[in-house]
Structure formats: C-alpha cells, structure tokens
Amino acid sequence: MNLDITLKERVGENEYIASDPEAGKKRKQVIYFLAESPYVEITLKQTGGLDDAKWFRLKEALELNLYEDVLPIVTRAMQKIAPSKKTA
C-alpha cells in the first residue's frame, strides 16, 4: 500500500487456521494496531494477499461484516478514535 502510517498502540491479537493451496493448513497469529495516516487514495501493490483496501467513515465501519473473533478488537479501536461525548 501507499500509506505512510504511524503506529499508535496495540489494540488486540488473535489466531486462526488458514488454508494454503500449496502448504495446506497453517496457523496464523495476527497482532492489531491502531495507526494514523494522512488521507490519501489507497492503491494496492500487485503482490497478492489483499484484494481490496479502502477508507471508511466511523459510521460506515459499524456496518461492516467482521469475523466474530475480530469484532471486539475493531470495536475497541473504534472506541479509542470516536469523538468522546464529554458533559460539562
């Protein structure tokens, strides 16, 4: 991708079994970070792995279909970046 990012903080991790056509089943471990980047149009490099990448407004992200084990991680990250509603 063409994004210049700054990692802010770790927000979670998970593990799953993926099927590789050549190597068979593989255990994958993923660590998720909250990151910051200036807005630019996203372009993917043709190296495989990702089919698509795009920006979402916070409201739109609430409508995404996510894997059950990833949902709490994304929810935690969204809570950290959502504008807080402080009362005076």
PDB file of N, CA and C in Angstrom:
ATOM      1  N   MET A   1       0.835  -1.182   0.000  1.00  0.00           N
ATOM      2  CA  MET A   1       0.000   0.000   0.000  1.00  0.00           C
ATOM      3  C   MET A   1       0.877   1.243   0.000  1.00  0.00           C
ATOM      4  N   ASN A   2       0.274   2.314  -0.357  1.00  0.00           N
ATOM      5  CA  ASN A   2       0.980   3.585  -0.450  1.00  0.00           C
ATOM      6  C   ASN A   2       0.760   4.477   0.764  1.00  0.00           C
ATOM      7  N   LEU A   3       0.498   3.905   1.933  1.00  0.00           N
ATOM      8  CA  LEU A   3       0.197   4.721   3.108  1.00  0.00           C
ATOM      9  C   LEU A   3       1.429   4.934   3.978  1.00  0.00           C
ATOM     10  N   ASP A   4       1.595   6.152   4.438  1.00  0.00           N
ATOM     11  CA  ASP A   4       2.642   6.489   5.395  1.00  0.00           C
ATOM     12  C   ASP A   4       1.957   6.491   6.755  1.00  0.00           C
ATOM     13  N   ILE A   5       2.193   5.447   7.559  1.00  0.00           N
ATOM     14  CA  ILE A   5       1.462   5.325   8.820  1.00  0.00           C
ATOM     15  C   ILE A   5       2.369   5.489  10.033  1.00  0.00           C
ATOM     16  N   THR A   6       1.727   5.862  11.133  1.00  0.00           N
ATOM     17  CA  THR A   6       2.371   5.916  12.432  1.00  0.00           C
ATOM     18  C   THR A   6       1.583   4.999  13.354  1.00  0.00           C
ATOM     19  N   LEU A   7       2.249   3.982  13.907  1.00  0.00           N
ATOM     20  CA  LEU A   7       1.574   3.099  14.858  1.00  0.00           C
ATOM     21  C   LEU A   7       1.343   3.848  16.159  1.00  0.00           C
ATOM     22  N   LYS A   8       0.125   3.726  16.680  1.00  0.00           N
ATOM     23  CA  LYS A   8      -0.237   4.426  17.913  1.00  0.00           C
ATOM     24  C   LYS A   8      -0.222   3.489  19.113  1.00  0.00           C
ATOM     25  N   GLU A   9      -0.974   2.390  19.036  1.00  0.00           N
ATOM     26  CA  GLU A   9      -0.998   1.444  20.151  1.00  0.00           C
ATOM     27  C   GLU A   9      -1.569   0.103  19.705  1.00  0.00           C
ATOM     28  N   ARG A  10      -1.186  -0.910  20.426  1.00  0.00           N
ATOM     29  CA  ARG A  10      -1.670  -2.263  20.164  1.00  0.00           C
ATOM     30  C   ARG A  10      -3.097  -2.366  20.700  1.00  0.00           C
ATOM     31  N   VAL A  11      -4.018  -2.905  19.890  1.00  0.00           N
ATOM     32  CA  VAL A  11      -5.418  -3.000  20.329  1.00  0.00           C
ATOM     33  C   VAL A  11      -5.911  -4.435  20.460  1.00  0.00           C
ATOM     34  N   GLY A  12      -5.115  -5.407  20.052  1.00  0.00           N
ATOM     35  CA  GLY A  12      -5.543  -6.792  20.238  1.00  0.00           C
ATOM     36  C   GLY A  12      -4.749  -7.762  19.383  1.00  0.00           C
ATOM     37  N   GLU A  13      -5.093  -9.029  19.558  1.00  0.00           N
ATOM     38  CA  GLU A  13      -4.460 -10.084  18.776  1.00  0.00           C
ATOM     39  C   GLU A  13      -5.411 -11.266  18.667  1.00  0.00           C
ATOM     40  N   ASN A  14      -5.209 -12.078  17.644  1.00  0.00           N
ATOM     41  CA  ASN A  14      -5.969 -13.315  17.524  1.00  0.00           C
ATOM     42  C   ASN A  14      -5.163 -14.327  16.722  1.00  0.00           C
ATOM     43  N   GLU A  15      -5.722 -15.505  16.620  1.00  0.00           N
ATOM     44  CA  GLU A  15      -5.063 -16.612  15.952  1.00  0.00           C
ATOM     45  C   GLU A  15      -6.117 -17.402  15.192  1.00  0.00           C
ATOM     46  N   TYR A  16      -5.765 -17.894  14.016  1.00  0.00           N
ATOM     47  CA  TYR A  16      -6.713 -18.684  13.233  1.00  0.00           C
ATOM     48  C   TYR A  16      -5.954 -19.657  12.341  1.00  0.00           C
ATOM     49  N   ILE A  17      -6.663 -20.608  11.776  1.00  0.00           N
ATOM     50  CA  ILE A  17      -6.099 -21.583  10.851  1.00  0.00           C
ATOM     51  C   ILE A  17      -6.492 -21.176   9.436  1.00  0.00           C
ATOM     52  N   ALA A  18      -5.487 -21.012   8.578  1.00  0.00           N
ATOM     53  CA  ALA A  18      -5.720 -20.640   7.178  1.00  0.00           C
ATOM     54  C   ALA A  18      -5.316 -21.813   6.291  1.00  0.00           C
ATOM     55  N   SER A  19      -5.988 -21.934   5.155  1.00  0.00           N
ATOM     56  CA  SER A  19      -5.639 -22.979   4.195  1.00  0.00           C
ATOM     57  C   SER A  19      -4.788 -22.397   3.078  1.00  0.00           C
ATOM     58  N   ASP A  20      -3.602 -22.932   2.918  1.00  0.00           N
ATOM     59  CA  ASP A  20      -2.697 -22.535   1.845  1.00  0.00           C
ATOM     60  C   ASP A  20      -2.754 -23.624   0.777  1.00  0.00           C
ATOM     61  N   PRO A  21      -3.053 -23.259  -0.484  1.00  0.00           N
ATOM     62  CA  PRO A  21      -3.184 -24.275  -1.531  1.00  0.00           C
ATOM     63  C   PRO A  21      -1.943 -25.151  -1.695  1.00  0.00           C
ATOM     64  N   GLU A  22      -0.773 -24.606  -1.417  1.00  0.00           N
ATOM     65  CA  GLU A  22       0.462 -25.368  -1.593  1.00  0.00           C
ATOM     66  C   GLU A  22       0.939 -26.042  -0.317  1.00  0.00           C
ATOM     67  N   ALA A  23       0.804 -25.357   0.824  1.00  0.00           N
ATOM     68  CA  ALA A  23       1.359 -25.873   2.076  1.00  0.00           C
ATOM     69  C   ALA A  23       0.323 -26.517   2.992  1.00  0.00           C
ATOM     70  N   GLY A  24      -0.958 -26.422   2.627  1.00  0.00           N
ATOM     71  CA  GLY A  24      -2.005 -26.974   3.493  1.00  0.00           C
ATOM     72  C   GLY A  24      -2.411 -25.994   4.576  1.00  0.00           C
ATOM     73  N   LYS A  25      -2.850 -26.531   5.715  1.00  0.00           N
ATOM     74  CA  LYS A  25      -3.326 -25.673   6.810  1.00  0.00           C
ATOM     75  C   LYS A  25      -2.149 -25.074   7.560  1.00  0.00           C
ATOM     76  N   LYS A  26      -2.295 -23.771   7.871  1.00  0.00           N
ATOM     77  CA  LYS A  26      -1.264 -23.031   8.599  1.00  0.00           C
ATOM     78  C   LYS A  26      -1.907 -22.235   9.717  1.00  0.00           C
ATOM     79  N   ARG A  27      -1.247 -22.214  10.854  1.00  0.00           N
ATOM     80  CA  ARG A  27      -1.721 -21.395  11.965  1.00  0.00           C
ATOM     81  C   ARG A  27      -1.186 -19.977  11.763  1.00  0.00           C
ATOM     82  N   LYS A  28      -2.077 -19.000  11.816  1.00  0.00           N
ATOM     83  CA  LYS A  28      -1.705 -17.594  11.645  1.00  0.00           C
ATOM     84  C   LYS A  28      -1.953 -16.856  12.957  1.00  0.00           C
ATOM     85  N   GLN A  29      -1.017 -16.023  13.344  1.00  0.00           N
ATOM     86  CA  GLN A  29      -1.165 -15.172  14.513  1.00  0.00           C
ATOM     87  C   GLN A  29      -1.112 -13.726  14.032  1.00  0.00           C
ATOM     88  N   VAL A  30      -2.096 -12.939  14.457  1.00  0.00           N
ATOM     89  CA  VAL A  30      -2.216 -11.560  13.995  1.00  0.00           C
ATOM     90  C   VAL A  30      -2.233 -10.617  15.190  1.00  0.00           C
ATOM     91  N   ILE A  31      -1.465  -9.554  15.107  1.00  0.00           N
ATOM     92  CA  ILE A  31      -1.478  -8.502  16.123  1.00  0.00           C
ATOM     93  C   ILE A  31      -2.025  -7.247  15.453  1.00  0.00           C
ATOM     94  N   TYR A  32      -3.029  -6.637  16.061  1.00  0.00           N
ATOM     95  CA  TYR A  32      -3.697  -5.456  15.507  1.00  0.00           C
ATOM     96  C   TYR A  32      -3.221  -4.205  16.233  1.00  0.00           C
ATOM     97  N   PHE A  33      -2.951  -3.156  15.449  1.00  0.00           N
ATOM     98  CA  PHE A  33      -2.517  -1.877  15.995  1.00  0.00           C
ATOM     99  C   PHE A  33      -3.445  -0.772  15.502  1.00  0.00           C
ATOM    100  N   LEU A  34      -3.635   0.207  16.346  1.00  0.00           N
ATOM    101  CA  LEU A  34      -4.280   1.447  15.939  1.00  0.00           C
ATOM    102  C   LEU A  34      -3.175   2.272  15.294  1.00  0.00           C
ATOM    103  N   ALA A  35      -3.432   2.756  14.092  1.00  0.00           N
ATOM    104  CA  ALA A  35      -2.417   3.521  13.360  1.00  0.00           C
ATOM    105  C   ALA A  35      -3.042   4.796  12.815  1.00  0.00           C
ATOM    106  N   GLU A  36      -2.190   5.747  12.489  1.00  0.00           N
ATOM    107  CA  GLU A  36      -2.644   7.034  11.967  1.00  0.00           C
ATOM    108  C   GLU A  36      -1.948   7.297  10.634  1.00  0.00           C
ATOM    109  N   SER A  37      -2.717   7.849   9.698  1.00  0.00           N
ATOM    110  CA  SER A  37      -2.168   8.177   8.390  1.00  0.00           C
ATOM    111  C   SER A  37      -2.925   9.362   7.814  1.00  0.00           C
ATOM    112  N   PRO A  38      -2.231  10.232   7.110  1.00  0.00           N
ATOM    113  CA  PRO A  38      -2.950  11.292   6.391  1.00  0.00           C
ATOM    114  C   PRO A  38      -3.842  10.645   5.327  1.00  0.00           C
ATOM    115  N   TYR A  39      -4.962  11.281   5.011  1.00  0.00           N
ATOM    116  CA  TYR A  39      -5.853  10.731   3.995  1.00  0.00           C
ATOM    117  C   TYR A  39      -5.219  10.882   2.616  1.00  0.00           C
ATOM    118  N   VAL A  40      -5.079   9.775   1.933  1.00  0.00           N
ATOM    119  CA  VAL A  40      -4.686   9.733   0.517  1.00  0.00           C
ATOM    120  C   VAL A  40      -5.472   8.580  -0.098  1.00  0.00           C
ATOM    121  N   GLU A  41      -5.681   8.621  -1.395  1.00  0.00           N
ATOM    122  CA  GLU A  41      -6.324   7.491  -2.062  1.00  0.00           C
ATOM    123  C   GLU A  41      -5.428   6.270  -1.890  1.00  0.00           C
ATOM    124  N   ILE A  42      -6.025   5.140  -1.543  1.00  0.00           N
ATOM    125  CA  ILE A  42      -5.257   3.920  -1.307  1.00  0.00           C
ATOM    126  C   ILE A  42      -5.069   3.166  -2.622  1.00  0.00           C
ATOM    127  N   THR A  43      -3.831   2.783  -2.870  1.00  0.00           N
ATOM    128  CA  THR A  43      -3.548   1.923  -4.018  1.00  0.00           C
ATOM    129  C   THR A  43      -2.808   0.691  -3.517  1.00  0.00           C
ATOM    130  N   LEU A  44      -3.247  -0.470  -3.990  1.00  0.00           N
ATOM    131  CA  LEU A  44      -2.609  -1.722  -3.600  1.00  0.00           C
ATOM    132  C   LEU A  44      -1.510  -2.082  -4.580  1.00  0.00           C
ATOM    133  N   LYS A  45      -0.452  -2.639  -4.042  1.00  0.00           N
ATOM    134  CA  LYS A  45       0.580  -3.197  -4.909  1.00  0.00           C
ATOM    135  C   LYS A  45       0.104  -4.575  -5.342  1.00  0.00           C
ATOM    136  N   GLN A  46       0.456  -4.989  -6.526  1.00  0.00           N
ATOM    137  CA  GLN A  46       0.010  -6.275  -7.071  1.00  0.00           C
ATOM    138  C   GLN A  46       0.903  -7.412  -6.601  1.00  0.00           C
ATOM    139  N   THR A  47       1.037  -7.576  -5.279  1.00  0.00           N
ATOM    140  CA  THR A  47       1.894  -8.628  -4.737  1.00  0.00           C
ATOM    141  C   THR A  47       1.086  -9.774  -4.144  1.00  0.00           C
ATOM    142  N   GLY A  48      -0.237  -9.668  -4.204  1.00  0.00           N
ATOM    143  CA  GLY A  48      -1.072 -10.712  -3.626  1.00  0.00           C
ATOM    144  C   GLY A  48      -1.375 -10.427  -2.168  1.00  0.00           C
ATOM    145  N   GLY A  49      -2.245 -11.231  -1.610  1.00  0.00           N
ATOM    146  CA  GLY A  49      -2.612 -11.085  -0.205  1.00  0.00           C
ATOM    147  C   GLY A  49      -3.887 -10.291  -0.008  1.00  0.00           C
ATOM    148  N   LEU A  50      -3.920  -9.058  -0.461  1.00  0.00           N
ATOM    149  CA  LEU A  50      -5.116  -8.231  -0.317  1.00  0.00           C
ATOM    150  C   LEU A  50      -5.818  -8.068  -1.660  1.00  0.00           C
ATOM    151  N   ASP A  51      -7.145  -8.176  -1.619  1.00  0.00           N
ATOM    152  CA  ASP A  51      -7.949  -7.958  -2.816  1.00  0.00           C
ATOM    153  C   ASP A  51      -8.428  -6.516  -2.921  1.00  0.00           C
ATOM    154  N   ASP A  52      -8.593  -5.855  -1.764  1.00  0.00           N
ATOM    155  CA  ASP A  52      -9.160  -4.516  -1.748  1.00  0.00           C
ATOM    156  C   ASP A  52      -8.770  -3.825  -0.448  1.00  0.00           C
ATOM    157  N   ALA A  53      -8.695  -2.526  -0.467  1.00  0.00           N
ATOM    158  CA  ALA A  53      -8.468  -1.715   0.725  1.00  0.00           C
ATOM    159  C   ALA A  53      -9.122  -0.373   0.489  1.00  0.00           C
ATOM    160  N   LYS A  54      -9.807   0.142   1.512  1.00  0.00           N
ATOM    161  CA  LYS A  54     -10.424   1.459   1.383  1.00  0.00           C
ATOM    162  C   LYS A  54     -10.681   2.060   2.747  1.00  0.00           C
ATOM    163  N   TRP A  55     -10.896   3.360   2.748  1.00  0.00           N
ATOM    164  CA  TRP A  55     -11.220   4.099   3.958  1.00  0.00           C
ATOM    165  C   TRP A  55     -12.707   3.958   4.250  1.00  0.00           C
ATOM    166  N   PHE A  56     -13.049   4.007   5.527  1.00  0.00           N
ATOM    167  CA  PHE A  56     -14.449   4.019   5.967  1.00  0.00           C
ATOM    168  C   PHE A  56     -14.633   5.129   6.974  1.00  0.00           C
ATOM    169  N   ARG A  57     -15.775   5.778   6.905  1.00  0.00           N
ATOM    170  CA  ARG A  57     -16.149   6.689   7.983  1.00  0.00           C
ATOM    171  C   ARG A  57     -16.517   5.807   9.171  1.00  0.00           C
ATOM    172  N   LEU A  58     -16.380   6.335  10.368  1.00  0.00           N
ATOM    173  CA  LEU A  58     -16.658   5.552  11.574  1.00  0.00           C
ATOM    174  C   LEU A  58     -18.058   4.944  11.520  1.00  0.00           C
ATOM    175  N   LYS A  59     -19.027   5.721  11.078  1.00  0.00           N
ATOM    176  CA  LYS A  59     -20.415   5.250  10.991  1.00  0.00           C
ATOM    177  C   LYS A  59     -20.525   4.070  10.011  1.00  0.00           C
ATOM    178  N   GLU A  60     -19.812   4.133   8.887  1.00  0.00           N
ATOM    179  CA  GLU A  60     -19.841   3.054   7.893  1.00  0.00           C
ATOM    180  C   GLU A  60     -19.164   1.798   8.430  1.00  0.00           C
ATOM    181  N   ALA A  61     -18.129   1.972   9.220  1.00  0.00           N
ATOM    182  CA  ALA A  61     -17.402   0.825   9.766  1.00  0.00           C
ATOM    183  C   ALA A  61     -18.291  -0.008  10.686  1.00  0.00           C
ATOM    184  N   LEU A  62     -19.272   0.622  11.306  1.00  0.00           N
ATOM    185  CA  LEU A  62     -20.203  -0.110  12.173  1.00  0.00           C
ATOM    186  C   LEU A  62     -21.040  -1.117  11.398  1.00  0.00           C
ATOM    187  N   GLU A  63     -21.174  -0.915  10.099  1.00  0.00           N
ATOM    188  CA  GLU A  63     -21.998  -1.784   9.260  1.00  0.00           C
ATOM    189  C   GLU A  63     -21.206  -2.923   8.597  1.00  0.00           C
ATOM    190  N   LEU A  64     -19.904  -2.966   8.803  1.00  0.00           N
ATOM    191  CA  LEU A  64     -19.086  -3.997   8.164  1.00  0.00           C
ATOM    192  C   LEU A  64     -19.373  -5.382   8.732  1.00  0.00           C
ATOM    193  N   ASN A  65     -19.304  -6.389   7.894  1.00  0.00           N
ATOM    194  CA  ASN A  65     -19.403  -7.774   8.344  1.00  0.00           C
ATOM    195  C   ASN A  65     -17.997  -8.230   8.728  1.00  0.00           C
ATOM    196  N   LEU A  66     -17.794  -8.491  10.007  1.00  0.00           N
ATOM    197  CA  LEU A  66     -16.481  -8.870  10.510  1.00  0.00           C
ATOM    198  C   LEU A  66     -16.542 -10.265  11.118  1.00  0.00           C
ATOM    199  N   TYR A  67     -15.419 -10.947  11.124  1.00  0.00           N
ATOM    200  CA  TYR A  67     -15.343 -12.235  11.810  1.00  0.00           C
ATOM    201  C   TYR A  67     -15.608 -12.024  13.293  1.00  0.00           C
ATOM    202  N   GLU A  68     -16.248 -12.989  13.906  1.00  0.00           N
ATOM    203  CA  GLU A  68     -16.649 -12.875  15.316  1.00  0.00           C
ATOM    204  C   GLU A  68     -15.464 -12.596  16.243  1.00  0.00           C
ATOM    205  N   ASP A  69     -14.314 -13.205  15.968  1.00  0.00           N
ATOM    206  CA  ASP A  69     -13.160 -13.008  16.844  1.00  0.00           C
ATOM    207  C   ASP A  69     -12.470 -11.658  16.625  1.00  0.00           C
ATOM    208  N   VAL A  70     -12.737 -11.012  15.496  1.00  0.00           N
ATOM    209  CA  VAL A  70     -12.129  -9.715  15.191  1.00  0.00           C
ATOM    210  C   VAL A  70     -13.011  -8.562  15.685  1.00  0.00           C
ATOM    211  N   LEU A  71     -14.298  -8.794  15.805  1.00  0.00           N
ATOM    212  CA  LEU A  71     -15.238  -7.744  16.193  1.00  0.00           C
ATOM    213  C   LEU A  71     -14.847  -7.021  17.486  1.00  0.00           C
ATOM    214  N   PRO A  72     -14.493  -7.718  18.579  1.00  0.00           N
ATOM    215  CA  PRO A  72     -14.110  -6.975  19.798  1.00  0.00           C
ATOM    216  C   PRO A  72     -12.860  -6.118  19.611  1.00  0.00           C
ATOM    217  N   ILE A  73     -11.949  -6.556  18.771  1.00  0.00           N
ATOM    218  CA  ILE A  73     -10.718  -5.796  18.528  1.00  0.00           C
ATOM    219  C   ILE A  73     -11.041  -4.513  17.764  1.00  0.00           C
ATOM    220  N   VAL A  74     -11.847  -4.628  16.732  1.00  0.00           N
ATOM    221  CA  VAL A  74     -12.233  -3.458  15.944  1.00  0.00           C
ATOM    222  C   VAL A  74     -13.092  -2.510  16.788  1.00  0.00           C
ATOM    223  N   THR A  75     -13.974  -3.064  17.591  1.00  0.00           N
ATOM    224  CA  THR A  75     -14.814  -2.239  18.477  1.00  0.00           C
ATOM    225  C   THR A  75     -13.941  -1.444  19.439  1.00  0.00           C
ATOM    226  N   ARG A  76     -12.938  -2.083  20.030  1.00  0.00           N
ATOM    227  CA  ARG A  76     -12.022  -1.405  20.958  1.00  0.00           C
ATOM    228  C   ARG A  76     -11.293  -0.263  20.242  1.00  0.00           C
ATOM    229  N   ALA A  77     -10.828  -0.516  19.041  1.00  0.00           N
ATOM    230  CA  ALA A  77     -10.118   0.525  18.275  1.00  0.00           C
ATOM    231  C   ALA A  77     -11.050   1.685  17.943  1.00  0.00           C
ATOM    232  N   MET A  78     -12.282   1.364  17.543  1.00  0.00           N
ATOM    233  CA  MET A  78     -13.239   2.416  17.194  1.00  0.00           C
ATOM    234  C   MET A  78     -13.580   3.278  18.408  1.00  0.00           C
ATOM    235  N   GLN A  79     -13.674   2.663  19.576  1.00  0.00           N
ATOM    236  CA  GLN A  79     -13.959   3.427  20.787  1.00  0.00           C
ATOM    237  C   GLN A  79     -12.822   4.401  21.106  1.00  0.00           C
ATOM    238  N   LYS A  80     -11.606   4.018  20.778  1.00  0.00           N
ATOM    239  CA  LYS A  80     -10.468   4.882  21.045  1.00  0.00           C
ATOM    240  C   LYS A  80     -10.413   6.100  20.118  1.00  0.00           C
ATOM    241  N   ILE A  81     -10.940   5.946  18.892  1.00  0.00           N
ATOM    242  CA  ILE A  81     -10.855   7.057  17.946  1.00  0.00           C
ATOM    243  C   ILE A  81     -12.155   7.845  17.816  1.00  0.00           C
ATOM    244  N   ALA A  82     -13.246   7.327  18.374  1.00  0.00           N
ATOM    245  CA  ALA A  82     -14.526   8.037  18.292  1.00  0.00           C
ATOM    246  C   ALA A  82     -14.461   9.317  19.122  1.00  0.00           C
ATOM    247  N   PRO A  83     -15.094  10.371  18.623  1.00  0.00           N
ATOM    248  CA  PRO A  83     -15.124  11.607  19.418  1.00  0.00           C
ATOM    249  C   PRO A  83     -15.829  11.336  20.744  1.00  0.00           C
ATOM    250  N   SER A  84     -15.192  11.735  21.837  1.00  0.00           N
ATOM    251  CA  SER A  84     -15.814  11.496  23.147  1.00  0.00           C
ATOM    252  C   SER A  84     -16.930  12.496  23.379  1.00  0.00           C
ATOM    253  N   LYS A  85     -17.950  12.034  24.078  1.00  0.00           N
ATOM    254  CA  LYS A  85     -19.100  12.897  24.392  1.00  0.00           C
ATOM    255  C   LYS A  85     -18.992  13.290  25.855  1.00  0.00           C
ATOM    256  N   LYS A  86     -18.211  14.347  26.115  1.00  0.00           N
ATOM    257  CA  LYS A  86     -17.999  14.816  27.486  1.00  0.00           C
ATOM    258  C   LYS A  86     -19.111  15.770  27.872  1.00  0.00           C
ATOM    259  N   THR A  87     -19.544  15.648  29.094  1.00  0.00           N
ATOM    260  CA  THR A  87     -20.559  16.576  29.608  1.00  0.00           C
ATOM    261  C   THR A  87     -19.895  17.592  30.512  1.00  0.00           C
ATOM    262  N   ALA A  88     -20.414  18.797  30.500  1.00  0.00           N
ATOM    263  CA  ALA A  88     -19.821  19.884  31.303  1.00  0.00           C
ATOM    264  C   ALA A  88     -20.296  19.842  32.704  1.00  0.00           C
TER     265      ALA A  88
END
